[in-house]
Amino acid sequence: MLKNKPVRIIKRDQRGPQPPAASAPEAPATEREVKTVVSGWVNEHRRRAEEFRRNYAELLKGVGFSALSSARG
């Protein structure tokens, strides 16, 4: 039977030397910068969701599945 190897637990305070912090502390992001980044994320999410919807609809059409829009009338 195989022996289990002992597990070595490394706590955060016991880690090796950390790289030095940046010489100049970063300034907090302005509200405008945050809005720009978040709106970019939202736009990218919407684009990907629409792309996924189109691709999924094409995939279902390819296997002969009728979409709900054709069942509406």
Protein backbone atom coordinates (compact mmCIF):
# COMPACT_ATOMS: atom_id res chain seq x y z
CA MET A 1 0.00 0.00 0.00
CA LEU A 2 1.22 3.48 -0.85
CA LYS A 3 2.11 5.90 1.91
CA ASN A 4 0.60 9.36 1.84
CA LYS A 5 3.09 12.17 1.55
CA PRO A 6 2.99 14.67 4.39
CA VAL A 7 1.34 17.97 3.52
CA ARG A 8 3.22 21.18 4.17
CA ILE A 9 0.96 24.11 5.02
CA ILE A 10 2.30 27.55 4.20
CA LYS A 11 0.54 30.39 5.91
CA ARG A 12 0.47 33.85 4.38
CA ASP A 13 2.81 35.31 6.97
CA GLN A 14 5.35 32.53 6.45
CA ARG A 15 5.77 32.91 2.70
CA GLY A 16 9.10 33.75 1.16
CA PRO A 17 10.18 37.30 0.55
CA GLN A 18 7.57 39.37 -1.24
CA PRO A 19 8.50 41.60 -4.18
CA PRO A 20 8.88 45.21 -3.14
CA ALA A 21 5.82 47.39 -3.51
CA ALA A 22 5.71 49.94 -6.28
CA SER A 23 7.68 53.05 -5.47
CA ALA A 24 4.70 55.35 -6.03
CA PRO A 25 1.32 54.30 -4.64
CA GLU A 26 -1.43 54.10 -7.25
CA ALA A 27 -4.00 56.84 -7.14
CA PRO A 28 -7.57 55.63 -6.73
CA ALA A 29 -9.54 55.52 -9.95
CA THR A 30 -11.77 58.46 -10.64
CA GLU A 31 -15.49 58.00 -11.03
CA ARG A 32 -15.23 58.67 -14.75
CA GLU A 33 -12.57 55.97 -15.18
CA VAL A 34 -14.67 53.45 -13.26
CA LYS A 35 -17.76 54.28 -15.35
CA THR A 36 -15.73 53.89 -18.56
CA VAL A 37 -14.36 50.50 -17.54
CA VAL A 38 -17.70 49.16 -16.29
CA SER A 39 -19.59 50.38 -19.35
CA GLY A 40 -16.98 48.63 -21.49
CA TRP A 41 -17.60 45.40 -19.56
CA VAL A 42 -21.37 45.77 -19.99
CA ASN A 43 -21.06 46.44 -23.73
CA GLU A 44 -18.76 43.46 -24.16
CA HIS A 45 -21.18 41.25 -22.23
CA ARG A 46 -24.09 42.39 -24.39
CA ARG A 47 -22.10 41.77 -27.57
CA ARG A 48 -21.06 38.30 -26.45
CA ALA A 49 -24.60 37.43 -25.33
CA GLU A 50 -26.00 38.50 -28.71
CA GLU A 51 -23.29 36.58 -30.53
CA PHE A 52 -24.04 33.50 -28.42
CA ARG A 53 -27.77 33.83 -29.12
CA ARG A 54 -27.19 34.06 -32.87
CA ASN A 55 -24.75 31.14 -32.89
CA TYR A 56 -27.05 28.99 -30.76
CA ALA A 57 -30.04 29.76 -33.00
CA GLU A 58 -28.01 28.80 -36.08
CA LEU A 59 -26.91 25.59 -34.38
CA LEU A 60 -30.49 24.66 -33.54
CA LYS A 61 -31.61 25.44 -37.08
CA GLY A 62 -28.81 23.23 -38.37
CA VAL A 63 -30.16 20.21 -36.48
CA GLY A 64 -33.73 20.92 -37.58
CA PHE A 65 -35.08 22.51 -34.42
CA SER A 66 -37.75 25.11 -35.12
CA ALA A 67 -37.35 28.37 -33.21
CA LEU A 68 -40.09 29.73 -30.98
CA SER A 69 -40.51 32.77 -33.21
CA SER A 70 -41.83 30.55 -36.02
CA ALA A 71 -44.37 28.98 -33.63
CA ARG A 72 -45.81 32.40 -32.71
CA GLY A 73 -47.51 32.89 -35.98
